[in-house]
Amino acid sequence: MFRHRGKVREAQQEQDVYTCSGCGQVLFRAKYKFEVGSGFPSFWQQVGENVAHCPLDTYGRQRVQLLCSRCRQHLGHLFDDSRTPTGVRYCINATSITLDLEQPT
């Protein structure tokens, strides 16, 4: 199902960040992004407390919903993933984030 099966490594874009498309808050560093082949941007770490984790029990299964801590926009979901340094994968809706090439991290 997923093309990426090996351990995750940091990307090269160390200064770039992904911000919330709703309010502009910094959510993820580009160096924490990795490809899993799911079609959704995936990250293995968030910036500070800028991503809120909310338990979600819908459609007969339990998940963790991710929200921007400032504007509460839905970002995606959190999944366990043993390939990452943190043991989790932030599966993010691409329209909820914006790549910011100029903001220092």
N, C-alpha and C. Protein backbone atom coordinates (compact mmCIF):
# COMPACT_ATOMS: atom_id res chain seq x y z
N MET A 1 0.81 -1.19 0.00
CA MET A 1 0.00 0.00 0.00
C MET A 1 0.86 1.26 0.00
N PHE A 2 1.81 1.38 0.94
CA PHE A 2 2.67 2.55 0.98
C PHE A 2 4.00 2.21 0.33
N ARG A 3 4.53 3.13 -0.46
CA ARG A 3 5.80 2.90 -1.15
C ARG A 3 6.98 3.02 -0.20
N HIS A 4 6.91 3.89 0.77
CA HIS A 4 8.03 4.15 1.66
C HIS A 4 8.01 3.12 2.80
N ARG A 5 9.00 2.26 2.84
CA ARG A 5 9.03 1.22 3.87
C ARG A 5 10.21 1.34 4.83
N GLY A 6 11.23 2.10 4.46
CA GLY A 6 12.41 2.24 5.30
C GLY A 6 12.23 3.30 6.37
N LYS A 7 13.23 3.43 7.23
CA LYS A 7 13.22 4.46 8.26
C LYS A 7 13.22 5.84 7.62
N VAL A 8 12.60 6.78 8.28
CA VAL A 8 12.47 8.15 7.78
C VAL A 8 13.74 8.94 8.08
N ARG A 9 14.16 9.75 7.13
CA ARG A 9 15.31 10.64 7.32
C ARG A 9 14.86 12.07 7.14
N GLU A 10 15.58 13.00 7.77
CA GLU A 10 15.23 14.41 7.65
C GLU A 10 15.45 14.89 6.23
N ALA A 11 14.56 15.76 5.76
CA ALA A 11 14.67 16.35 4.43
C ALA A 11 15.74 17.43 4.44
N GLN A 12 16.08 17.93 3.27
CA GLN A 12 17.14 18.92 3.12
C GLN A 12 16.70 20.35 3.44
N GLN A 13 15.42 20.67 3.28
CA GLN A 13 14.95 22.04 3.44
C GLN A 13 14.83 22.39 4.93
N GLU A 14 15.93 22.71 5.57
CA GLU A 14 15.93 22.92 7.01
C GLU A 14 15.22 24.19 7.46
N GLN A 15 15.23 25.25 6.66
CA GLN A 15 14.66 26.52 7.08
C GLN A 15 13.18 26.66 6.75
N ASP A 16 12.67 25.90 5.79
CA ASP A 16 11.29 26.04 5.36
C ASP A 16 10.33 25.49 6.40
N VAL A 17 9.15 26.12 6.49
CA VAL A 17 8.13 25.67 7.44
C VAL A 17 6.78 25.57 6.73
N TYR A 18 5.91 24.77 7.29
CA TYR A 18 4.53 24.68 6.83
C TYR A 18 3.65 25.39 7.85
N THR A 19 2.82 26.28 7.35
CA THR A 19 1.94 27.07 8.22
C THR A 19 0.49 26.68 7.98
N CYS A 20 -0.37 27.04 8.92
CA CYS A 20 -1.80 26.81 8.79
C CYS A 20 -2.33 27.71 7.67
N SER A 21 -3.10 27.14 6.74
CA SER A 21 -3.65 27.94 5.64
C SER A 21 -4.76 28.86 6.12
N GLY A 22 -5.26 28.63 7.32
CA GLY A 22 -6.32 29.47 7.87
C GLY A 22 -5.82 30.70 8.60
N CYS A 23 -4.76 30.53 9.42
CA CYS A 23 -4.32 31.65 10.27
C CYS A 23 -2.83 31.97 10.15
N GLY A 24 -2.05 31.13 9.49
CA GLY A 24 -0.63 31.40 9.31
C GLY A 24 0.29 30.91 10.41
N GLN A 25 -0.22 30.26 11.43
CA GLN A 25 0.62 29.74 12.50
C GLN A 25 1.54 28.64 11.97
N VAL A 26 2.79 28.64 12.40
CA VAL A 26 3.74 27.60 12.01
C VAL A 26 3.34 26.29 12.66
N LEU A 27 3.24 25.22 11.84
CA LEU A 27 2.80 23.92 12.34
C LEU A 27 3.89 22.84 12.26
N PHE A 28 4.61 22.81 11.12
CA PHE A 28 5.61 21.76 10.88
C PHE A 28 6.84 22.36 10.21
N ARG A 29 7.99 21.80 10.48
CA ARG A 29 9.21 22.15 9.75
C ARG A 29 9.31 21.21 8.53
N ALA A 30 9.75 21.76 7.42
CA ALA A 30 9.87 20.97 6.19
C ALA A 30 10.81 19.78 6.38
N LYS A 31 11.81 19.92 7.23
CA LYS A 31 12.76 18.82 7.42
C LYS A 31 12.11 17.61 8.11
N TYR A 32 10.91 17.77 8.66
CA TYR A 32 10.20 16.65 9.30
C TYR A 32 9.18 16.01 8.37
N LYS A 33 9.16 16.41 7.11
CA LYS A 33 8.21 15.86 6.13
C LYS A 33 8.82 14.63 5.47
N PHE A 34 7.99 13.64 5.18
CA PHE A 34 8.46 12.46 4.47
C PHE A 34 7.35 11.91 3.59
N GLU A 35 7.73 11.09 2.65
CA GLU A 35 6.80 10.54 1.66
C GLU A 35 6.44 9.10 2.02
N VAL A 36 5.14 8.82 2.09
CA VAL A 36 4.68 7.45 2.36
C VAL A 36 3.89 6.88 1.19
N GLY A 37 3.58 7.71 0.20
CA GLY A 37 2.84 7.23 -0.95
C GLY A 37 1.34 7.21 -0.75
N SER A 38 0.84 7.88 0.28
CA SER A 38 -0.59 7.87 0.57
C SER A 38 -1.34 8.99 -0.16
N GLY A 39 -0.60 9.96 -0.72
CA GLY A 39 -1.23 11.11 -1.35
C GLY A 39 -1.42 12.27 -0.39
N PHE A 40 -1.17 12.06 0.89
CA PHE A 40 -1.28 13.11 1.90
C PHE A 40 0.12 13.48 2.39
N PRO A 41 0.38 14.78 2.61
CA PRO A 41 1.66 15.15 3.22
C PRO A 41 1.78 14.50 4.59
N SER A 42 2.96 13.97 4.89
CA SER A 42 3.18 13.31 6.18
C SER A 42 4.39 13.92 6.87
N PHE A 43 4.26 14.08 8.18
CA PHE A 43 5.32 14.63 9.01
C PHE A 43 5.52 13.71 10.20
N TRP A 44 6.72 13.74 10.81
CA TRP A 44 6.95 12.92 11.99
C TRP A 44 7.08 13.73 13.27
N GLN A 45 6.95 15.06 13.16
CA GLN A 45 7.02 15.91 14.35
C GLN A 45 6.34 17.24 14.07
N GLN A 46 5.72 17.81 15.08
CA GLN A 46 5.09 19.12 14.98
C GLN A 46 5.97 20.18 15.62
N VAL A 47 5.63 21.45 15.42
CA VAL A 47 6.35 22.56 16.04
C VAL A 47 5.64 22.91 17.35
N GLY A 48 6.35 22.80 18.45
CA GLY A 48 5.80 23.17 19.77
C GLY A 48 4.44 22.57 20.05
N GLU A 49 3.57 23.39 20.59
CA GLU A 49 2.20 22.98 20.92
C GLU A 49 1.21 23.54 19.89
N ASN A 50 1.69 23.81 18.68
CA ASN A 50 0.87 24.48 17.67
C ASN A 50 -0.15 23.57 16.99
N VAL A 51 -0.03 22.26 17.20
CA VAL A 51 -1.00 21.30 16.68
C VAL A 51 -1.70 20.65 17.87
N ALA A 52 -3.02 20.82 17.94
CA ALA A 52 -3.80 20.23 19.03
C ALA A 52 -4.21 18.80 18.66
N HIS A 53 -4.15 17.90 19.64
CA HIS A 53 -4.52 16.51 19.45
C HIS A 53 -5.87 16.28 20.13
N CYS A 54 -6.86 15.84 19.38
CA CYS A 54 -8.21 15.64 19.91
C CYS A 54 -8.68 14.22 19.63
N PRO A 55 -8.98 13.43 20.67
CA PRO A 55 -9.50 12.08 20.44
C PRO A 55 -10.79 12.15 19.62
N LEU A 56 -10.93 11.23 18.69
CA LEU A 56 -12.07 11.20 17.79
C LEU A 56 -12.58 9.77 17.69
N ASP A 57 -13.86 9.57 17.93
CA ASP A 57 -14.46 8.23 17.84
C ASP A 57 -15.62 8.31 16.84
N THR A 58 -15.30 8.06 15.58
CA THR A 58 -16.32 8.11 14.52
C THR A 58 -16.19 6.90 13.62
N TYR A 59 -17.26 6.55 12.99
CA TYR A 59 -17.29 5.44 12.03
C TYR A 59 -16.78 4.14 12.64
N GLY A 60 -17.01 3.96 13.93
CA GLY A 60 -16.65 2.74 14.60
C GLY A 60 -15.17 2.56 14.89
N ARG A 61 -14.39 3.63 14.81
CA ARG A 61 -12.97 3.51 15.13
C ARG A 61 -12.46 4.74 15.86
N GLN A 62 -11.43 4.54 16.65
CA GLN A 62 -10.85 5.63 17.42
C GLN A 62 -9.61 6.15 16.69
N ARG A 63 -9.52 7.47 16.61
CA ARG A 63 -8.39 8.13 15.97
C ARG A 63 -8.05 9.39 16.76
N VAL A 64 -6.96 10.03 16.36
CA VAL A 64 -6.60 11.32 16.92
C VAL A 64 -6.70 12.35 15.81
N GLN A 65 -7.62 13.29 15.98
CA GLN A 65 -7.79 14.38 15.03
C GLN A 65 -6.78 15.47 15.36
N LEU A 66 -6.20 16.08 14.33
CA LEU A 66 -5.24 17.16 14.50
C LEU A 66 -5.88 18.47 14.08
N LEU A 67 -5.75 19.49 14.95
CA LEU A 67 -6.30 20.81 14.70
C LEU A 67 -5.22 21.87 14.92
N CYS A 68 -5.31 22.97 14.20
CA CYS A 68 -4.45 24.11 14.48
C CYS A 68 -4.85 24.61 15.87
N SER A 69 -3.88 24.80 16.74
CA SER A 69 -4.20 25.23 18.11
C SER A 69 -4.70 26.66 18.17
N ARG A 70 -4.45 27.45 17.14
CA ARG A 70 -4.89 28.84 17.14
C ARG A 70 -6.31 28.99 16.56
N CYS A 71 -6.53 28.53 15.34
CA CYS A 71 -7.84 28.77 14.68
C CYS A 71 -8.74 27.54 14.67
N ARG A 72 -8.22 26.39 15.14
CA ARG A 72 -8.97 25.14 15.26
C ARG A 72 -9.34 24.52 13.91
N GLN A 73 -8.65 24.91 12.83
CA GLN A 73 -8.88 24.28 11.53
C GLN A 73 -8.46 22.82 11.59
N HIS A 74 -9.26 21.95 10.97
CA HIS A 74 -8.92 20.53 10.87
C HIS A 74 -7.70 20.37 9.97
N LEU A 75 -6.68 19.67 10.47
CA LEU A 75 -5.45 19.46 9.71
C LEU A 75 -5.34 18.04 9.16
N GLY A 76 -5.80 17.08 9.92
CA GLY A 76 -5.66 15.68 9.52
C GLY A 76 -5.74 14.78 10.74
N HIS A 77 -4.96 13.67 10.71
CA HIS A 77 -5.01 12.69 11.79
C HIS A 77 -3.60 12.22 12.15
N LEU A 78 -3.47 11.70 13.35
CA LEU A 78 -2.20 11.18 13.86
C LEU A 78 -2.28 9.65 13.91
N PHE A 79 -1.24 8.99 13.39
CA PHE A 79 -1.19 7.53 13.38
C PHE A 79 0.13 7.04 13.96
N ASP A 80 0.11 5.86 14.56
CA ASP A 80 1.35 5.22 14.98
C ASP A 80 2.12 4.84 13.72
N ASP A 81 3.45 5.00 13.75
CA ASP A 81 4.28 4.65 12.61
C ASP A 81 5.70 4.37 13.11
N SER A 82 6.06 3.12 13.15
CA SER A 82 7.35 2.71 13.71
C SER A 82 8.55 3.13 12.86
N ARG A 83 8.33 3.60 11.63
CA ARG A 83 9.42 4.02 10.76
C ARG A 83 9.99 5.38 11.12
N THR A 84 9.26 6.17 11.90
CA THR A 84 9.68 7.54 12.18
C THR A 84 10.46 7.63 13.50
N PRO A 85 11.28 8.65 13.66
CA PRO A 85 12.02 8.82 14.93
C PRO A 85 11.11 9.01 16.14
N THR A 86 9.91 9.54 15.93
CA THR A 86 8.98 9.78 17.04
C THR A 86 7.95 8.67 17.21
N GLY A 87 7.89 7.73 16.27
CA GLY A 87 6.93 6.62 16.35
C GLY A 87 5.53 6.99 15.92
N VAL A 88 5.35 8.20 15.35
CA VAL A 88 4.03 8.63 14.88
C VAL A 88 4.15 9.29 13.50
N ARG A 89 3.01 9.36 12.81
CA ARG A 89 2.93 10.03 11.51
C ARG A 89 1.75 10.99 11.53
N TYR A 90 2.02 12.24 11.23
CA TYR A 90 0.98 13.27 11.08
C TYR A 90 0.53 13.21 9.63
N CYS A 91 -0.65 12.70 9.37
CA CYS A 91 -1.21 12.59 8.02
C CYS A 91 -2.08 13.84 7.80
N ILE A 92 -1.64 14.74 6.93
CA ILE A 92 -2.19 16.08 6.84
C ILE A 92 -2.92 16.32 5.52
N ASN A 93 -4.03 17.03 5.58
CA ASN A 93 -4.76 17.46 4.39
C ASN A 93 -3.95 18.59 3.75
N ALA A 94 -3.58 18.42 2.49
CA ALA A 94 -2.70 19.38 1.81
C ALA A 94 -3.28 20.78 1.75
N THR A 95 -4.60 20.92 1.72
CA THR A 95 -5.20 22.26 1.64
C THR A 95 -5.18 22.99 2.99
N SER A 96 -4.83 22.30 4.06
CA SER A 96 -4.81 22.92 5.38
C SER A 96 -3.47 23.56 5.72
N ILE A 97 -2.46 23.33 4.89
CA ILE A 97 -1.13 23.88 5.16
C ILE A 97 -0.58 24.62 3.94
N THR A 98 0.36 25.52 4.22
CA THR A 98 1.02 26.29 3.18
C THR A 98 2.52 26.26 3.44
N LEU A 99 3.32 25.99 2.40
CA LEU A 99 4.77 26.02 2.54
C LEU A 99 5.24 27.45 2.56
N ASP A 100 5.97 27.83 3.60
CA ASP A 100 6.50 29.17 3.74
C ASP A 100 8.02 29.09 3.62
N LEU A 101 8.55 29.66 2.53
CA LEU A 101 9.98 29.57 2.25
C LEU A 101 10.80 30.66 2.91
N GLU A 102 10.14 31.66 3.48
CA GLU A 102 10.88 32.81 3.97
C GLU A 102 10.91 32.96 5.48
N GLN A 103 10.05 32.28 6.20
CA GLN A 103 9.95 32.46 7.65
C GLN A 103 11.05 31.66 8.35
N PRO A 104 11.87 32.30 9.18
CA PRO A 104 12.89 31.56 9.91
C PRO A 104 12.25 30.67 10.96
N THR A 105 12.91 29.53 11.25
CA THR A 105 12.37 28.58 12.24
C THR A 105 13.13 28.62 13.52
